[in-house]
C-alpha atoms as a PDB file:
ATOM      1  CA  MET A   1    -106.448 -23.602 -27.200  1.00  0.00           C
ATOM      2  CA  ARG A   2    -108.647 -20.662 -26.281  1.00  0.00           C
ATOM      3  CA  ALA A   3    -106.399 -18.144 -28.093  1.00  0.00           C
ATOM      4  CA  ARG A   4    -106.846 -19.906 -31.433  1.00  0.00           C
ATOM      5  CA  LEU A   5    -110.580 -20.177 -30.954  1.00  0.00           C
ATOM      6  CA  LEU A   6    -110.850 -16.582 -30.320  1.00  0.00           C
ATOM      7  CA  ALA A   7    -108.610 -15.639 -33.251  1.00  0.00           C
ATOM      8  CA  ALA A   8    -110.942 -17.397 -35.545  1.00  0.00           C
ATOM      9  CA  ARG A   9    -113.906 -15.635 -33.919  1.00  0.00           C
ATOM     10  CA  TYR A  10    -112.451 -12.086 -33.892  1.00  0.00           C
ATOM     11  CA  PRO A  11    -110.232 -11.361 -36.845  1.00  0.00           C
ATOM     12  CA  ALA A  12    -109.412  -7.864 -35.628  1.00  0.00           C
ATOM     13  CA  SER A  13    -107.488  -9.493 -32.726  1.00  0.00           C
ATOM     14  CA  ALA A  14    -106.217 -12.561 -34.574  1.00  0.00           C
ATOM     15  CA  GLU A  15    -102.610 -11.531 -35.134  1.00  0.00           C
ATOM     16  CA  VAL A  16    -101.853 -11.097 -31.435  1.00  0.00           C
ATOM     17  CA  LEU A  17    -103.918 -14.047 -30.393  1.00  0.00           C
ATOM     18  CA  GLU A  18    -102.169 -16.431 -32.846  1.00  0.00           C
ATOM     19  CA  LEU A  19     -98.813 -15.101 -31.493  1.00  0.00           C
ATOM     20  CA  VAL A  20     -99.745 -15.625 -27.855  1.00  0.00           C
ATOM     21  CA  ALA A  21    -100.959 -19.109 -28.688  1.00  0.00           C
ATOM     22  CA  ALA A  22     -97.654 -19.930 -30.362  1.00  0.00           C
ATOM     23  CA  ALA A  23     -95.751 -18.571 -27.319  1.00  0.00           C
ATOM     24  CA  TYR A  24     -97.744 -20.681 -24.954  1.00  0.00           C
ATOM     25  CA  ASP A  25     -97.041 -23.766 -27.054  1.00  0.00           C
ATOM     26  CA  LEU A  26     -93.271 -23.076 -26.652  1.00  0.00           C
ATOM     27  CA  ILE A  27     -93.452 -22.338 -23.044  1.00  0.00           C
ATOM     28  CA  GLY A  28     -95.534 -25.306 -22.215  1.00  0.00           C
ATOM     29  CA  ASP A  29     -95.440 -26.179 -18.421  1.00  0.00           C
ATOM     30  CA  ALA A  30     -92.100 -24.543 -17.935  1.00  0.00           C
ATOM     31  CA  LYS A  31     -91.286 -23.366 -14.312  1.00  0.00           C
ATOM     32  CA  PRO A  32     -88.147 -21.381 -15.011  1.00  0.00           C
ATOM     33  CA  ALA A  33     -86.119 -19.754 -12.244  1.00  0.00           C
ATOM     34  CA  PHE A  34     -85.846 -16.013 -12.532  1.00  0.00           C
ATOM     35  CA  GLU A  35     -82.234 -16.528 -13.805  1.00  0.00           C
ATOM     36  CA  ASP A  36     -83.578 -18.576 -16.726  1.00  0.00           C
ATOM     37  CA  THR A  37     -86.279 -16.102 -17.847  1.00  0.00           C
ATOM     38  CA  GLN A  38     -83.717 -14.105 -20.073  1.00  0.00           C
ATOM     39  CA  ALA A  39     -82.864 -17.186 -22.081  1.00  0.00           C
ATOM     40  CA  LEU A  40     -86.536 -18.135 -22.345  1.00  0.00           C
ATOM     41  CA  ALA A  41     -87.451 -14.729 -23.678  1.00  0.00           C
ATOM     42  CA  GLU A  42     -84.671 -14.670 -26.180  1.00  0.00           C
ATOM     43  CA  ARG A  43     -85.791 -18.213 -27.298  1.00  0.00           C
ATOM     44  CA  LEU A  44     -89.315 -16.939 -27.827  1.00  0.00           C
ATOM     45  CA  GLN A  45     -88.097 -13.927 -29.832  1.00  0.00           C
ATOM     46  CA  ILE A  46     -86.100 -16.212 -32.095  1.00  0.00           C
ATOM     47  CA  ALA A  47     -88.819 -18.812 -32.535  1.00  0.00           C
ATOM     48  CA  LEU A  48     -91.615 -16.457 -33.173  1.00  0.00           C
ATOM     49  CA  ARG A  49     -89.695 -13.849 -35.148  1.00  0.00           C
ATOM     50  CA  SER A  50     -91.099 -14.919 -38.569  1.00  0.00           C
ATOM     51  CA  GLN A  51     -94.820 -14.495 -37.334  1.00  0.00           C
ATOM     52  CA  SER A  52     -94.325 -11.430 -35.246  1.00  0.00           C
ATOM     53  CA  PRO A  53     -95.465  -8.029 -36.268  1.00  0.00           C
ATOM     54  CA  VAL A  54     -92.716  -5.841 -37.648  1.00  0.00           C
ATOM     55  CA  PRO A  55     -91.966  -3.878 -34.292  1.00  0.00           C
ATOM     56  CA  LEU A  56     -91.315  -7.141 -32.466  1.00  0.00           C
ATOM     57  CA  ARG A  57     -89.084  -8.880 -35.017  1.00  0.00           C
ATOM     58  CA  ASP A  58     -85.823  -7.224 -33.906  1.00  0.00           C
ATOM     59  CA  ALA A  59     -86.939  -6.427 -30.342  1.00  0.00           C
ATOM     60  CA  VAL A  60     -84.515  -8.365 -28.222  1.00  0.00           C
ATOM     61  CA  PRO A  61     -86.098  -8.477 -24.658  1.00  0.00           C
ATOM     62  CA  ASP A  62     -84.291  -7.396 -21.486  1.00  0.00           C
ATOM     63  CA  VAL A  63     -86.183  -9.328 -18.745  1.00  0.00           C
ATOM     64  CA  ALA A  64     -84.357  -7.633 -15.815  1.00  0.00           C
ATOM     65  CA  ALA A  65     -85.114  -4.169 -17.229  1.00  0.00           C
ATOM     66  CA  TYR A  66     -88.679  -4.882 -17.682  1.00  0.00           C
ATOM     67  CA  TYR A  67     -89.136  -6.505 -14.164  1.00  0.00           C
ATOM     68  CA  ASN A  68     -87.346  -3.579 -12.466  1.00  0.00           C
ATOM     69  CA  ASN A  69     -88.873  -0.737 -14.461  1.00  0.00           C
ATOM     70  CA  PRO A  70     -91.639  -2.105 -16.807  1.00  0.00           C
ATOM     71  CA  ASP A  71     -92.569  -0.403 -19.891  1.00  0.00           C
ATOM     72  CA  PRO A  72     -95.543  -2.150 -21.460  1.00  0.00           C
ATOM     73  CA  PHE A  73     -95.328  -0.032 -24.607  1.00  0.00           C
ATOM     74  CA  ALA A  74     -91.768  -1.274 -25.609  1.00  0.00           C
ATOM     75  CA  PRO A  75     -91.914  -3.784 -28.399  1.00  0.00           C
ATOM     76  CA  SER A  76     -89.531  -6.125 -26.503  1.00  0.00           C
ATOM     77  CA  SER A  77     -91.895  -6.254 -23.438  1.00  0.00           C
ATOM     78  CA  PHE A  78     -93.994  -8.896 -25.186  1.00  0.00           C
ATOM     79  CA  PHE A  79     -91.286 -11.492 -24.915  1.00  0.00           C
ATOM     80  CA  ALA A  80     -90.047 -10.396 -21.406  1.00  0.00           C
ATOM     81  CA  ARG A  81     -93.697 -10.555 -20.039  1.00  0.00           C
ATOM     82  CA  MET A  82     -94.244 -14.011 -21.481  1.00  0.00           C
ATOM     83  CA  ALA A  83     -91.169 -15.273 -19.909  1.00  0.00           C
ATOM     84  CA  LEU A  84     -91.709 -13.511 -16.599  1.00  0.00           C
ATOM     85  CA  GLU A  85     -95.278 -14.795 -16.484  1.00  0.00           C
ATOM     86  CA  ALA A  86     -94.004 -18.325 -16.795  1.00  0.00           C
ATOM     87  CA  TRP A  87     -91.736 -17.640 -13.801  1.00  0.00           C
ATOM     88  CA  ALA A  88     -94.216 -15.605 -11.751  1.00  0.00           C
ATOM     89  CA  ARG A  89     -96.941 -18.043 -11.979  1.00  0.00           C
ATOM     90  CA  HIS A  90     -95.053 -20.443  -9.945  1.00  0.00           C
ATOM     91  CA  ALA A  91     -92.584 -18.372  -7.991  1.00  0.00           C
ATOM     92  CA  PRO A  92     -93.207 -18.133  -4.112  1.00  0.00           C
ATOM     93  CA  LEU A  93     -93.878 -14.421  -4.257  1.00  0.00           C
ATOM     94  CA  ARG A  94     -95.411 -12.278  -1.483  1.00  0.00           C
ATOM     95  CA  HIS A  95     -95.692  -8.490  -1.710  1.00  0.00           C
ATOM     96  CA  PRO A  96     -94.970  -7.172   1.692  1.00  0.00           C
ATOM     97  CA  ASP A  97     -97.515  -4.367   1.925  1.00  0.00           C
ATOM     98  CA  PRO A  98     -99.664  -4.090  -1.348  1.00  0.00           C
ATOM     99  CA  ALA A  99    -102.148  -1.310  -1.837  1.00  0.00           C
ATOM    100  CA  PRO A 100    -105.655  -2.375  -2.643  1.00  0.00           C
ATOM    101  CA  ASN A 101    -105.065  -1.965  -6.378  1.00  0.00           C
ATOM    102  CA  GLU A 102    -101.752  -3.817  -6.354  1.00  0.00           C
ATOM    103  CA  CYS A 103    -101.279  -7.578  -6.722  1.00  0.00           C
ATOM    104  CA  PRO A 104    -100.702  -9.099  -3.350  1.00  0.00           C
ATOM    105  CA  ARG A 105     -98.171 -11.598  -4.897  1.00  0.00           C
ATOM    106  CA  CYS A 106     -95.841  -9.358  -7.014  1.00  0.00           C
ATOM    107  CA  GLY A 107     -97.077  -5.830  -6.532  1.00  0.00           C
ATOM    108  CA  HIS A 108     -97.849  -5.245 -10.285  1.00  0.00           C
ATOM    109  CA  ALA A 109    -101.002  -3.300 -11.590  1.00  0.00           C
ATOM    110  CA  PRO A 110    -104.147  -4.987 -12.551  1.00  0.00           C
ATOM    111  CA  GLN A 111    -104.594  -5.982 -16.216  1.00  0.00           C
ATOM    112  CA  LEU A 112    -108.343  -6.473 -16.094  1.00  0.00           C
ATOM    113  CA  GLY A 113    -111.213  -7.361 -13.841  1.00  0.00           C
ATOM    114  CA  VAL A 114    -113.054 -10.614 -13.434  1.00  0.00           C
ATOM    115  CA  LEU A 115    -116.649 -10.849 -12.192  1.00  0.00           C
ATOM    116  CA  ARG A 116    -117.182 -14.199 -10.521  1.00  0.00           C
ATOM    117  CA  PRO A 117    -120.510 -15.535  -9.029  1.00  0.00           C
ATOM    118  CA  ALA A 118    -120.932 -14.788  -5.375  1.00  0.00           C
ATOM    119  CA  GLY A 119    -124.161 -15.035  -3.403  1.00  0.00           C
ATOM    120  CA  ASN A 120    -126.906 -13.417  -5.444  1.00  0.00           C
ATOM    121  CA  GLY A 121    -124.525 -11.520  -7.660  1.00  0.00           C
ATOM    122  CA  ASN A 122    -121.041 -11.204  -8.853  1.00  0.00           C
ATOM    123  CA  ALA A 123    -117.935 -10.228  -7.005  1.00  0.00           C
ATOM    124  CA  LEU A 124    -115.104  -8.276  -8.563  1.00  0.00           C
ATOM    125  CA  PHE A 125    -111.515  -9.672  -8.689  1.00  0.00           C
ATOM    126  CA  LEU A 126    -108.677  -7.708 -10.307  1.00  0.00           C
ATOM    127  CA  ALA A 127    -106.233  -9.924 -12.362  1.00  0.00           C
ATOM    128  CA  CYS A 128    -102.462  -9.130 -12.220  1.00  0.00           C
ATOM    129  CA  SER A 129    -100.711  -7.902 -15.301  1.00  0.00           C
ATOM    130  CA  LEU A 130     -97.711 -10.142 -14.554  1.00  0.00           C
ATOM    131  CA  CYS A 131     -98.368 -13.219 -12.545  1.00  0.00           C
ATOM    132  CA  ARG A 132    -102.131 -13.431 -13.224  1.00  0.00           C
ATOM    133  CA  GLN A 133    -103.079 -13.652  -9.531  1.00  0.00           C
ATOM    134  CA  GLU A 134    -106.608 -12.426  -8.737  1.00  0.00           C
ATOM    135  CA  TRP A 135    -107.643 -10.513  -5.595  1.00  0.00           C
ATOM    136  CA  PRO A 136    -111.011  -9.026  -4.488  1.00  0.00           C
ATOM    137  CA  PHE A 137    -111.691  -5.345  -5.110  1.00  0.00           C
ATOM    138  CA  ARG A 138    -114.710  -3.109  -4.305  1.00  0.00           C
ATOM    139  CA  ARG A 139    -117.057  -2.937  -7.277  1.00  0.00           C
ATOM    140  CA  THR A 140    -118.092   0.379  -8.856  1.00  0.00           C
ATOM    141  CA  THR A 141    -114.636   1.827  -7.799  1.00  0.00           C
ATOM    142  CA  CYS A 142    -111.843   2.934 -10.116  1.00  0.00           C
ATOM    143  CA  PRO A 143    -108.797   0.741  -9.518  1.00  0.00           C
ATOM    144  CA  GLU A 144    -106.485   3.568 -10.580  1.00  0.00           C
ATOM    145  CA  CYS A 145    -107.626   6.608  -8.490  1.00  0.00           C
ATOM    146  CA  GLY A 146    -110.132   5.121  -6.074  1.00  0.00           C
ATOM    147  CA  GLU A 147    -113.032   7.165  -7.484  1.00  0.00           C
ATOM    148  CA  ALA A 148    -116.391   5.659  -6.384  1.00  0.00           C
ATOM    149  CA  ASP A 149    -118.942   8.398  -7.532  1.00  0.00           C
ATOM    150  CA  PRO A 150    -121.480   6.582  -9.597  1.00  0.00           C
ATOM    151  CA  ASP A 151    -121.698   9.719 -11.773  1.00  0.00           C
ATOM    152  CA  LYS A 152    -118.094   9.426 -12.679  1.00  0.00           C
ATOM    153  CA  VAL A 153    -117.503   5.550 -12.816  1.00  0.00           C
ATOM    154  CA  GLY A 154    -119.329   4.218 -15.888  1.00  0.00           C
ATOM    155  CA  PHE A 155    -119.903   0.816 -17.557  1.00  0.00           C
ATOM    156  CA  TYR A 156    -120.355   0.042 -21.193  1.00  0.00           C
ATOM    157  CA  SER A 157    -121.077  -2.980 -23.134  1.00  0.00           C
ATOM    158  CA  THR A 158    -121.048  -3.953 -26.895  1.00  0.00           C
ATOM    159  CA  ASP A 159    -123.363  -6.044 -28.967  1.00  0.00           C
ATOM    160  CA  GLY A 160    -122.544  -9.692 -29.108  1.00  0.00           C
ATOM    161  CA  ARG A 161    -120.111  -9.610 -26.165  1.00  0.00           C
ATOM    162  CA  ASP A 162    -122.314 -10.313 -23.102  1.00  0.00           C
ATOM    163  CA  SER A 163    -119.358 -11.594 -21.182  1.00  0.00           C
ATOM    164  CA  VAL A 164    -117.580  -8.207 -21.355  1.00  0.00           C
ATOM    165  CA  GLN A 165    -118.070  -4.803 -19.577  1.00  0.00           C
ATOM    166  CA  THR A 166    -115.814  -1.839 -19.919  1.00  0.00           C
ATOM    167  CA  GLN A 167    -115.456   0.210 -16.824  1.00  0.00           C
ATOM    168  CA  THR A 168    -114.421   3.826 -17.286  1.00  0.00           C
ATOM    169  CA  CYS A 169    -113.471   6.690 -14.844  1.00  0.00           C
ATOM    170  CA  GLN A 170    -114.051  10.310 -15.640  1.00  0.00           C
ATOM    171  CA  SER A 171    -111.704  11.423 -12.813  1.00  0.00           C
ATOM    172  CA  CYS A 172    -108.509   9.861 -14.108  1.00  0.00           C
ATOM    173  CA  GLN A 173    -109.575   9.039 -17.560  1.00  0.00           C
ATOM    174  CA  SER A 174    -108.681   5.358 -17.109  1.00  0.00           C
ATOM    175  CA  TYR A 175    -110.650   2.085 -18.184  1.00  0.00           C
ATOM    176  CA  LEU A 176    -110.374  -1.634 -17.744  1.00  0.00           C
ATOM    177  CA  HIS A 177    -112.297  -4.569 -19.196  1.00  0.00           C
ATOM    178  CA  LEU A 178    -114.359  -6.731 -16.826  1.00  0.00           C
ATOM    179  CA  LEU A 179    -114.998 -10.325 -17.912  1.00  0.00           C
ATOM    180  CA  VAL A 180    -118.200 -11.962 -16.711  1.00  0.00           C
ATOM    181  CA  VAL A 181    -117.526 -15.597 -15.986  1.00  0.00           C
ATOM    182  CA  GLU A 182    -121.072 -16.664 -15.767  1.00  0.00           C
ATOM    183  CA  LYS A 183    -121.786 -15.426 -19.307  1.00  0.00           C
ATOM    184  CA  ASP A 184    -118.938 -17.636 -20.705  1.00  0.00           C
ATOM    185  CA  LEU A 185    -117.643 -20.493 -18.548  1.00  0.00           C
ATOM    186  CA  GLU A 186    -114.971 -21.247 -20.923  1.00  0.00           C
ATOM    187  CA  LEU A 187    -113.267 -17.810 -20.861  1.00  0.00           C
ATOM    188  CA  VAL A 188    -109.564 -17.404 -19.868  1.00  0.00           C
ATOM    189  CA  PRO A 189    -109.318 -13.980 -18.535  1.00  0.00           C
ATOM    190  CA  GLU A 190    -105.872 -12.855 -19.817  1.00  0.00           C
ATOM    191  CA  VAL A 191    -106.465 -14.476 -23.227  1.00  0.00           C
ATOM    192  CA  ASP A 192    -110.039 -13.303 -23.721  1.00  0.00           C
ATOM    193  CA  GLU A 193    -108.989  -9.706 -22.903  1.00  0.00           C
ATOM    194  CA  LEU A 194    -106.653  -9.835 -25.837  1.00  0.00           C
ATOM    195  CA  SER A 195    -109.670 -10.276 -28.155  1.00  0.00           C
ATOM    196  CA  LEU A 196    -111.059  -6.892 -27.212  1.00  0.00           C
ATOM    197  CA  LEU A 197    -108.846  -4.737 -29.383  1.00  0.00           C
ATOM    198  CA  GLU A 198    -111.751  -3.064 -30.983  1.00  0.00           C
ATOM    199  CA  LEU A 199    -112.979  -1.970 -27.645  1.00  0.00           C
ATOM    200  CA  ASP A 200    -109.468  -0.725 -26.882  1.00  0.00           C
ATOM    201  CA  VAL A 201    -109.495   1.348 -29.981  1.00  0.00           C
ATOM    202  CA  TRP A 202    -112.919   2.808 -28.982  1.00  0.00           C
ATOM    203  CA  ALA A 203    -111.640   3.620 -25.505  1.00  0.00           C
ATOM    204  CA  ALA A 204    -108.544   5.445 -26.927  1.00  0.00           C
ATOM    205  CA  GLU A 205    -110.856   7.410 -29.199  1.00  0.00           C
ATOM    206  CA  GLN A 206    -112.665   8.670 -26.130  1.00  0.00           C
ATOM    207  CA  GLY A 207    -109.403   9.826 -24.605  1.00  0.00           C
ATOM    208  CA  LEU A 208    -109.098   7.017 -22.058  1.00  0.00           C
ATOM    209  CA  HIS A 209    -106.079   5.033 -21.254  1.00  0.00           C
ATOM    210  CA  LYS A 210    -105.967   1.440 -19.906  1.00  0.00           C
ATOM    211  CA  ILE A 211    -104.743   1.049 -16.263  1.00  0.00           C
ATOM    212  CA  TRP A 212    -102.071  -1.376 -17.694  1.00  0.00           C
ATOM    213  CA  PRO A 213    -101.628  -2.293 -21.339  1.00  0.00           C
ATOM    214  CA  ASN A 214    -101.916  -5.953 -22.370  1.00  0.00           C
ATOM    215  CA  LEU A 215     -99.416  -7.996 -24.299  1.00  0.00           C
ATOM    216  CA  ALA A 216    -100.490  -6.168 -27.541  1.00  0.00           C
ATOM    217  CA  GLY A 217     -99.629  -2.838 -25.967  1.00  0.00           C
ATOM    218  CA  MET A 218    -103.270  -1.909 -25.884  1.00  0.00           C
END
């Protein structure tokens, strides 16, 4: 599995990647109804308790609360999000009137960006923080505030990670990671993004916040 491969490659992110890998092992190909997601989240919490970081061990999830008023920083959100993702990937969702920076399936905020080959370059797709749906978005534009001034929207890279760019916005002090598919054809966007915790720490040190934190709360 991709998560375990990345855990071995990037030790700083290994703990959360191993936990995510174990969670996906338990979920398998489950297609739960929304009514079943609470039981799935509680089952994940019990099964993964021994290998979870301390904040998660006693964090009993409330799936309905997270869905209606998501708090990605709450420890219990890890299990709620994993269960809701299993449901949302297959549910026949359709957001009635999404904004350009909202998922057209479920209305949630983007977790990251994906640059996919298109024509003579790459097209940007935002990836949902819940159901993982991707949708097109204008490049060099901040998905949080809509800033498009090239003097305020910047891009950063790090040695050894050609498949990653970090887009920042000076106007709203936000950032998100962009994953470049043509640089690594095996990447899994939502999993690879979890391997970038060192970049998240760097961004926090610059006073930036991610548009939507990932499963690690980063």
